C-alpha atoms as a PDB file:
ATOM      1  CA  MET A   1     -18.382  63.259 -56.550  1.00  0.00           C
ATOM      2  CA  ASN A   2     -15.480  63.741 -54.751  1.00  0.00           C
ATOM      3  CA  ILE A   3     -17.166  64.999 -51.668  1.00  0.00           C
ATOM      4  CA  ILE A   4     -19.223  61.460 -51.802  1.00  0.00           C
ATOM      5  CA  MET A   5     -16.606  59.383 -51.620  1.00  0.00           C
ATOM      6  CA  LYS A   6     -14.967  61.308 -49.314  1.00  0.00           C
ATOM      7  CA  SER A   7     -17.739  60.605 -47.224  1.00  0.00           C
ATOM      8  CA  MET A   8     -18.138  56.862 -48.602  1.00  0.00           C
ATOM      9  CA  LYS A   9     -14.695  55.958 -47.510  1.00  0.00           C
ATOM     10  CA  PHE A  10     -15.073  57.924 -43.777  1.00  0.00           C
ATOM     11  CA  VAL A  11     -18.498  56.028 -43.667  1.00  0.00           C
ATOM     12  CA  SER A  12     -16.467  53.040 -44.296  1.00  0.00           C
ATOM     13  CA  SER A  13     -13.265  53.268 -42.320  1.00  0.00           C
ATOM     14  CA  THR A  14     -15.272  54.212 -39.377  1.00  0.00           C
ATOM     15  CA  CYS A  15     -17.315  50.688 -39.347  1.00  0.00           C
ATOM     16  CA  LYS A  16     -14.640  48.567 -40.255  1.00  0.00           C
ATOM     17  CA  ASN A  17     -14.351  47.036 -37.094  1.00  0.00           C
ATOM     18  CA  ARG A  18     -18.013  45.560 -38.231  1.00  0.00           C
ATOM     19  CA  ASP A  19     -17.104  44.855 -41.686  1.00  0.00           C
ATOM     20  CA  ILE A  20     -19.377  47.111 -42.960  1.00  0.00           C
ATOM     21  CA  ILE A  21     -19.531  47.444 -46.984  1.00  0.00           C
ATOM     22  CA  LEU A  22     -22.405  49.605 -49.028  1.00  0.00           C
ATOM     23  CA  SER A  23     -23.777  48.163 -51.686  1.00  0.00           C
ATOM     24  CA  SER A  24     -24.721  50.929 -54.738  1.00  0.00           C
ATOM     25  CA  GLU A  25     -28.305  51.258 -53.455  1.00  0.00           C
ATOM     26  CA  GLU A  26     -26.803  51.922 -49.872  1.00  0.00           C
ATOM     27  CA  ARG A  27     -24.402  54.251 -51.477  1.00  0.00           C
ATOM     28  CA  GLN A  28     -27.559  56.581 -52.639  1.00  0.00           C
ATOM     29  CA  ASP A  29     -29.394  56.180 -49.705  1.00  0.00           C
ATOM     30  CA  VAL A  30     -26.131  57.806 -48.156  1.00  0.00           C
ATOM     31  CA  GLU A  31     -25.938  60.766 -50.831  1.00  0.00           C
ATOM     32  CA  ASN A  32     -29.755  61.255 -50.351  1.00  0.00           C
ATOM     33  CA  MET A  33     -29.114  61.684 -46.311  1.00  0.00           C
ATOM     34  CA  LEU A  34     -26.334  64.348 -47.182  1.00  0.00           C
ATOM     35  CA  LYS A  35     -28.514  66.280 -49.101  1.00  0.00           C
ATOM     36  CA  VAL A  36     -30.867  67.064 -46.471  1.00  0.00           C
ATOM     37  CA  ASN A  37     -28.266  66.893 -43.728  1.00  0.00           C
ATOM     38  CA  ALA A  38     -29.187  63.747 -41.884  1.00  0.00           C
ATOM     39  CA  ASN A  39     -29.298  64.056 -38.440  1.00  0.00           C
ATOM     40  CA  LYS A  40     -27.632  61.143 -36.181  1.00  0.00           C
ATOM     41  CA  LYS A  41     -30.802  58.950 -35.340  1.00  0.00           C
ATOM     42  CA  MET A  42     -31.500  58.720 -39.356  1.00  0.00           C
ATOM     43  CA  LEU A  43     -27.457  57.926 -40.029  1.00  0.00           C
ATOM     44  CA  GLN A  44     -28.035  55.031 -36.748  1.00  0.00           C
ATOM     45  CA  ASN A  45     -30.830  53.552 -38.631  1.00  0.00           C
ATOM     46  CA  PHE A  46     -29.412  53.465 -42.101  1.00  0.00           C
ATOM     47  CA  VAL A  47     -26.342  51.330 -41.060  1.00  0.00           C
ATOM     48  CA  MET A  48     -28.379  49.232 -38.671  1.00  0.00           C
ATOM     49  CA  GLN A  49     -30.996  48.545 -41.513  1.00  0.00           C
ATOM     50  CA  LYS A  50     -28.715  47.813 -44.040  1.00  0.00           C
ATOM     51  CA  ASN A  51     -26.260  46.058 -42.723  1.00  0.00           C
ATOM     52  CA  GLU A  52     -28.348  44.173 -39.773  1.00  0.00           C
ATOM     53  CA  LYS A  53     -25.589  45.326 -37.597  1.00  0.00           C
ATOM     54  CA  LYS A  54     -25.628  47.075 -33.760  1.00  0.00           C
ATOM     55  CA  VAL A  55     -24.608  50.166 -33.977  1.00  0.00           C
ATOM     56  CA  VAL A  56     -23.212  52.532 -31.021  1.00  0.00           C
ATOM     57  CA  LEU A  57     -23.826  56.027 -30.334  1.00  0.00           C
ATOM     58  CA  LYS A  58     -20.069  56.497 -30.912  1.00  0.00           C
ATOM     59  CA  ASP A  59     -19.911  55.625 -34.243  1.00  0.00           C
ATOM     60  CA  VAL A  60     -23.309  57.483 -35.284  1.00  0.00           C
ATOM     61  CA  HIS A  61     -21.785  60.396 -34.032  1.00  0.00           C
ATOM     62  CA  ASP A  62     -18.402  59.839 -35.693  1.00  0.00           C
ATOM     63  CA  ILE A  63     -19.889  59.037 -39.105  1.00  0.00           C
ATOM     64  CA  HIS A  64     -22.242  62.568 -38.052  1.00  0.00           C
ATOM     65  CA  SER A  65     -18.909  64.501 -37.268  1.00  0.00           C
ATOM     66  CA  GLY A  66     -17.330  63.235 -40.597  1.00  0.00           C
ATOM     67  CA  ILE A  67     -19.947  64.405 -42.896  1.00  0.00           C
ATOM     68  CA  LYS A  68     -20.201  67.868 -41.052  1.00  0.00           C
ATOM     69  CA  LYS A  69     -16.264  68.429 -41.769  1.00  0.00           C
ATOM     70  CA  ILE A  70     -16.803  67.561 -45.263  1.00  0.00           C
ATOM     71  CA  ASP A  71     -19.284  69.996 -45.728  1.00  0.00           C
ATOM     72  CA  LYS A  72     -17.429  72.676 -44.284  1.00  0.00           C
ATOM     73  CA  ASP A  73     -14.053  71.770 -46.085  1.00  0.00           C
ATOM     74  CA  ARG A  74     -16.037  71.502 -49.330  1.00  0.00           C
ATOM     75  CA  PRO A  75     -15.153  74.422 -51.862  1.00  0.00           C
ATOM     76  CA  SER A  76     -17.865  76.808 -52.538  1.00  0.00           C
ATOM     77  CA  GLN A  77     -18.046  76.263 -55.911  1.00  0.00           C
ATOM     78  CA  LEU A  78     -19.064  72.967 -55.540  1.00  0.00           C
ATOM     79  CA  ASN A  79     -22.679  73.712 -55.654  1.00  0.00           C
ATOM     80  CA  ASP A  80     -24.643  71.882 -57.628  1.00  0.00           C
ATOM     81  CA  TRP A  81     -26.504  69.331 -55.450  1.00  0.00           C
ATOM     82  CA  VAL A  82     -24.543  69.319 -52.188  1.00  0.00           C
ATOM     83  CA  LEU A  83     -26.237  70.604 -48.945  1.00  0.00           C
ATOM     84  CA  LEU A  84     -28.468  73.298 -48.041  1.00  0.00           C
ATOM     85  CA  SER A  85     -27.098  76.517 -48.030  1.00  0.00           C
ATOM     86  CA  ASN A  86     -27.878  78.725 -44.852  1.00  0.00           C
ATOM     87  CA  MET A  87     -30.099  80.921 -47.540  1.00  0.00           C
ATOM     88  CA  SER A  88     -31.742  77.536 -48.821  1.00  0.00           C
ATOM     89  CA  ARG A  89     -32.614  76.780 -45.374  1.00  0.00           C
ATOM     90  CA  MET A  90     -34.169  79.971 -44.327  1.00  0.00           C
ATOM     91  CA  GLN A  91     -36.423  79.604 -47.295  1.00  0.00           C
ATOM     92  CA  ALA A  92     -37.327  76.377 -46.370  1.00  0.00           C
ATOM     93  CA  ARG A  93     -38.103  77.299 -42.392  1.00  0.00           C
ATOM     94  CA  LYS A  94     -40.475  80.050 -44.157  1.00  0.00           C
ATOM     95  CA  THR A  95     -41.892  78.187 -46.678  1.00  0.00           C
ATOM     96  CA  LYS A  96     -44.883  75.350 -45.648  1.00  0.00           C
ATOM     97  CA  CYS A  97     -44.574  72.503 -47.418  1.00  0.00           C
ATOM     98  CA  ILE A  98     -47.613  71.295 -50.254  1.00  0.00           C
ATOM     99  CA  THR A  99     -50.101  68.120 -49.969  1.00  0.00           C
ATOM    100  CA  PHE A 100     -49.846  66.252 -53.352  1.00  0.00           C
ATOM    101  CA  ASP A 101     -53.046  67.181 -53.912  1.00  0.00           C
ATOM    102  CA  GLN A 102     -52.080  71.309 -53.452  1.00  0.00           C
ATOM    103  CA  LYS A 103     -49.865  70.626 -56.456  1.00  0.00           C
ATOM    104  CA  ALA A 104     -49.966  72.247 -60.038  1.00  0.00           C
ATOM    105  CA  SER A 105     -51.457  69.717 -62.114  1.00  0.00           C
ATOM    106  CA  LYS A 106     -48.670  69.466 -64.216  1.00  0.00           C
ATOM    107  CA  GLU A 107     -46.701  68.672 -61.653  1.00  0.00           C
ATOM    108  CA  THR A 108     -48.828  65.875 -60.354  1.00  0.00           C
ATOM    109  CA  ASP A 109     -49.470  64.529 -64.087  1.00  0.00           C
ATOM    110  CA  VAL A 110     -45.550  64.217 -64.230  1.00  0.00           C
ATOM    111  CA  ILE A 111     -45.457  62.087 -61.007  1.00  0.00           C
ATOM    112  CA  VAL A 112     -48.253  60.059 -61.701  1.00  0.00           C
ATOM    113  CA  LEU A 113     -46.962  59.364 -65.375  1.00  0.00           C
ATOM    114  CA  GLU A 114     -43.692  58.792 -64.238  1.00  0.00           C
ATOM    115  CA  TRP A 115     -45.094  55.569 -62.018  1.00  0.00           C
ATOM    116  CA  PHE A 116     -45.687  54.168 -65.099  1.00  0.00           C
ATOM    117  CA  VAL A 117     -43.414  55.121 -67.730  1.00  0.00           C
ATOM    118  CA  GLY A 118     -40.607  56.692 -66.107  1.00  0.00           C
ATOM    119  CA  LYS A 119     -39.339  60.280 -65.653  1.00  0.00           C
ATOM    120  CA  GLU A 120     -38.153  61.015 -69.223  1.00  0.00           C
ATOM    121  CA  ILE A 121     -41.202  59.721 -70.795  1.00  0.00           C
ATOM    122  CA  ALA A 122     -43.182  61.454 -68.312  1.00  0.00           C
ATOM    123  CA  LYS A 123     -41.637  64.994 -68.565  1.00  0.00           C
ATOM    124  CA  SER A 124     -41.984  65.042 -72.464  1.00  0.00           C
ATOM    125  CA  ALA A 125     -45.352  64.043 -72.535  1.00  0.00           C
ATOM    126  CA  VAL A 126     -46.808  67.107 -70.204  1.00  0.00           C
ATOM    127  CA  ASP A 127     -43.928  69.523 -70.935  1.00  0.00           C
ATOM    128  CA  ASP A 128     -43.517  68.977 -75.005  1.00  0.00           C
ATOM    129  CA  GLY A 129     -46.570  67.172 -76.339  1.00  0.00           C
ATOM    130  CA  LEU A 130     -45.514  63.501 -76.458  1.00  0.00           C
ATOM    131  CA  VAL A 131     -48.232  60.871 -76.950  1.00  0.00           C
ATOM    132  CA  ILE A 132     -47.421  58.210 -74.966  1.00  0.00           C
ATOM    133  CA  GLU A 133     -47.195  54.467 -76.960  1.00  0.00           C
ATOM    134  CA  GLU A 134     -48.004  51.349 -75.577  1.00  0.00           C
ATOM    135  CA  GLU A 135     -44.583  49.928 -75.659  1.00  0.00           C
ATOM    136  CA  HIS A 136     -43.391  53.060 -73.354  1.00  0.00           C
ATOM    137  CA  VAL A 137     -45.659  51.650 -70.539  1.00  0.00           C
ATOM    138  CA  GLU A 138     -43.918  49.511 -68.011  1.00  0.00           C
ATOM    139  CA  THR A 139     -45.965  46.016 -67.596  1.00  0.00           C
ATOM    140  CA  ARG A 140     -43.585  44.860 -64.684  1.00  0.00           C
ATOM    141  CA  PRO A 141     -45.872  45.123 -61.646  1.00  0.00           C
ATOM    142  CA  GLU A 142     -42.495  45.394 -59.070  1.00  0.00           C
ATOM    143  CA  MET A 143     -41.205  48.083 -60.957  1.00  0.00           C
ATOM    144  CA  VAL A 144     -44.463  50.184 -60.885  1.00  0.00           C
ATOM    145  CA  SER A 145     -45.225  52.367 -57.767  1.00  0.00           C
ATOM    146  CA  THR A 146     -47.908  51.228 -55.308  1.00  0.00           C
ATOM    147  CA  LEU A 147     -48.599  54.464 -54.551  1.00  0.00           C
ATOM    148  CA  CYS A 148     -50.517  54.690 -57.724  1.00  0.00           C
ATOM    149  CA  LEU A 149     -53.172  53.282 -55.357  1.00  0.00           C
ATOM    150  CA  ASP A 150     -53.755  56.242 -53.165  1.00  0.00           C
ATOM    151  CA  LYS A 151     -56.632  57.599 -52.639  1.00  0.00           C
ATOM    152  CA  LEU A 152     -55.137  61.288 -53.335  1.00  0.00           C
ATOM    153  CA  VAL A 153     -54.276  59.664 -57.014  1.00  0.00           C
ATOM    154  CA  ASN A 154     -56.213  60.015 -59.698  1.00  0.00           C
ATOM    155  CA  ILE A 155     -54.863  57.935 -62.500  1.00  0.00           C
ATOM    156  CA  ARG A 156     -56.975  58.978 -65.377  1.00  0.00           C
ATOM    157  CA  LEU A 157     -56.255  62.467 -65.202  1.00  0.00           C
ATOM    158  CA  ILE A 158     -52.956  61.344 -66.916  1.00  0.00           C
ATOM    159  CA  GLU A 159     -55.660  59.625 -69.931  1.00  0.00           C
ATOM    160  CA  LYS A 160     -55.200  62.289 -72.185  1.00  0.00           C
ATOM    161  CA  TYR A 161     -51.356  61.988 -72.821  1.00  0.00           C
ATOM    162  CA  CYS A 162     -51.850  58.214 -73.974  1.00  0.00           C
ATOM    163  CA  THR A 163     -53.048  56.447 -76.875  1.00  0.00           C
ATOM    164  CA  LYS A 164     -55.908  54.102 -76.267  1.00  0.00           C
ATOM    165  CA  GLU A 165     -53.405  51.019 -76.251  1.00  0.00           C
ATOM    166  CA  ALA A 166     -51.232  52.566 -74.002  1.00  0.00           C
ATOM    167  CA  TRP A 167     -54.103  53.781 -71.992  1.00  0.00           C
ATOM    168  CA  LYS A 168     -55.577  50.051 -71.727  1.00  0.00           C
ATOM    169  CA  SER A 169     -51.874  48.717 -70.828  1.00  0.00           C
ATOM    170  CA  ILE A 170     -51.807  51.600 -67.655  1.00  0.00           C
ATOM    171  CA  GLU A 171     -55.336  50.160 -66.637  1.00  0.00           C
ATOM    172  CA  SER A 172     -54.380  46.504 -66.831  1.00  0.00           C
ATOM    173  CA  ILE A 173     -51.194  46.989 -64.907  1.00  0.00           C
ATOM    174  CA  TYR A 174     -53.178  49.269 -62.112  1.00  0.00           C
ATOM    175  CA  CYS A 175     -55.730  46.434 -61.663  1.00  0.00           C
ATOM    176  CA  ILE A 176     -52.965  43.962 -60.737  1.00  0.00           C
ATOM    177  CA  LYS A 177     -51.133  46.277 -58.329  1.00  0.00           C
ATOM    178  CA  ASP A 178     -54.709  47.033 -56.787  1.00  0.00           C
ATOM    179  CA  GLU A 179     -54.436  43.273 -56.023  1.00  0.00           C
ATOM    180  CA  LEU A 180     -51.271  43.090 -55.062  1.00  0.00           C
ATOM    181  CA  ASN A 181     -51.523  45.754 -52.576  1.00  0.00           C
ATOM    182  CA  LEU A 182     -48.153  45.977 -50.998  1.00  0.00           C
ATOM    183  CA  TYR A 183     -46.637  48.958 -49.880  1.00  0.00           C
ATOM    184  CA  ILE A 184     -42.700  49.176 -49.137  1.00  0.00           C
ATOM    185  CA  CYS A 185     -41.112  51.415 -46.502  1.00  0.00           C
ATOM    186  CA  ASN A 186     -39.294  54.176 -48.659  1.00  0.00           C
ATOM    187  CA  PHE A 187     -36.674  54.093 -46.049  1.00  0.00           C
ATOM    188  CA  CYS A 188     -35.173  50.150 -45.734  1.00  0.00           C
ATOM    189  CA  LYS A 189     -37.340  49.034 -48.632  1.00  0.00           C
ATOM    190  CA  SER A 190     -38.981  46.283 -47.140  1.00  0.00           C
ATOM    191  CA  ASP A 191     -42.938  45.616 -46.397  1.00  0.00           C
ATOM    192  CA  ALA A 192     -44.481  48.951 -44.850  1.00  0.00           C
ATOM    193  CA  ASP A 193     -47.164  46.741 -43.017  1.00  0.00           C
ATOM    194  CA  ALA A 194     -45.416  43.978 -41.991  1.00  0.00           C
ATOM    195  CA  LYS A 195     -43.465  44.546 -38.698  1.00  0.00           C
ATOM    196  CA  GLU A 196     -44.644  48.182 -37.574  1.00  0.00           C
ATOM    197  CA  THR A 197     -47.243  50.792 -37.772  1.00  0.00           C
ATOM    198  CA  SER A 198     -45.795  53.191 -41.013  1.00  0.00           C
ATOM    199  CA  VAL A 199     -46.669  56.776 -41.831  1.00  0.00           C
ATOM    200  CA  MET A 200     -46.964  58.693 -45.079  1.00  0.00           C
ATOM    201  CA  CYS A 201     -45.772  61.696 -46.384  1.00  0.00           C
ATOM    202  CA  SER A 202     -48.653  64.073 -47.639  1.00  0.00           C
ATOM    203  CA  SER A 203     -46.576  65.659 -49.873  1.00  0.00           C
ATOM    204  CA  CYS A 204     -44.404  62.805 -51.764  1.00  0.00           C
ATOM    205  CA  LEU A 205     -47.199  60.026 -50.670  1.00  0.00           C
ATOM    206  CA  GLN A 206     -44.352  57.811 -49.393  1.00  0.00           C
ATOM    207  CA  TRP A 207     -44.648  55.164 -46.709  1.00  0.00           C
ATOM    208  CA  GLN A 208     -41.844  54.817 -43.724  1.00  0.00           C
ATOM    209  CA  HIS A 209     -42.041  52.511 -40.833  1.00  0.00           C
ATOM    210  CA  LEU A 210     -42.206  55.218 -37.603  1.00  0.00           C
ATOM    211  CA  SER A 211     -39.025  53.810 -36.531  1.00  0.00           C
ATOM    212  CA  CYS A 212     -37.576  54.492 -39.998  1.00  0.00           C
ATOM    213  CA  ALA A 213     -39.195  58.108 -39.971  1.00  0.00           C
ATOM    214  CA  SER A 214     -37.050  58.249 -36.145  1.00  0.00           C
ATOM    215  CA  LEU A 215     -40.834  58.882 -34.846  1.00  0.00           C
ATOM    216  CA  ASN A 216     -41.681  57.396 -31.783  1.00  0.00           C
ATOM    217  CA  ASN A 217     -45.426  57.728 -32.086  1.00  0.00           C
ATOM    218  CA  ALA A 218     -47.649  57.905 -35.074  1.00  0.00           C
ATOM    219  CA  PRO A 219     -48.021  61.786 -35.938  1.00  0.00           C
ATOM    220  CA  LYS A 220     -51.094  63.422 -34.598  1.00  0.00           C
ATOM    221  CA  ALA A 221     -51.406  66.186 -36.724  1.00  0.00           C
ATOM    222  CA  ARG A 222     -53.984  65.999 -40.038  1.00  0.00           C
ATOM    223  CA  HIS A 223     -50.720  65.904 -42.094  1.00  0.00           C
ATOM    224  CA  TRP A 224     -47.032  64.706 -42.016  1.00  0.00           C
ATOM    225  CA  PHE A 225     -44.361  65.350 -44.025  1.00  0.00           C
ATOM    226  CA  CYS A 226     -41.255  63.165 -44.403  1.00  0.00           C
ATOM    227  CA  TYR A 227     -37.482  64.656 -43.758  1.00  0.00           C
ATOM    228  CA  ILE A 228     -36.549  65.332 -47.762  1.00  0.00           C
ATOM    229  CA  PHE A 229     -39.682  67.433 -48.318  1.00  0.00           C
ATOM    230  CA  LYS A 230     -39.137  69.548 -45.373  1.00  0.00           C
ATOM    231  CA  HIS A 231     -35.879  70.904 -46.717  1.00  0.00           C
ATOM    232  CA  PHE A 232     -36.501  70.349 -50.297  1.00  0.00           C
ATOM    233  CA  GLU A 233     -40.068  70.102 -51.755  1.00  0.00           C
ATOM    234  CA  LEU A 234     -40.307  74.334 -52.111  1.00  0.00           C
ATOM    235  CA  VAL A 235     -36.583  74.883 -52.399  1.00  0.00           C
ATOM    236  CA  ASP A 236     -35.075  74.835 -55.738  1.00  0.00           C
ATOM    237  CA  LEU A 237     -31.840  73.430 -55.670  1.00  0.00           C
ATOM    238  CA  PHE A 238     -31.482  71.983 -59.070  1.00  0.00           C
END
């Protein structure tokens, strides 16, 4: 956490002329970018999107240099979640990213269940045989991920973990999400269809605007993987 606080202070001091104040959500985004060794373009997008202020290249370079300095000065024993080690980066480059439909059934079951009941209960249901009750199911539409509507997702596969009442609640909230049909950019948290073309990560199914994903044009490849999954999907860091 000391590393994170140092990085927060560095970002704030670098941009103090623009009175940039990071909210808790923005701080979390910075932490996530630190984890994946974010490049200058991603950092520029972050500051501009979150604070609606123009950021020049020098600011971005200074922020990026500061993060690299923190990484260089970090004690070697602080490796609980921080930037990829050289070995991990090498392993990530050698390993092919996996699409959502190629993942193990238990893994996808946890992911889908998590959208409706939260991570802890989802893992307990899949790993420990916990039976999901109606009271476990999230009933607020805005709190349930729209990713459940993706054509690659078959929510009927999670029915086996639920009581009849719990399953009815899941079906009900699913129908509401289907009617709303609102996809959110995973980076800027705004409507993915509102301002420009968006692209979906073939692994996590999250959507991002092309600009938020640092892309000039829509990928021509059949599958596209977001920055996080290119580095972390198959590297067990935790």
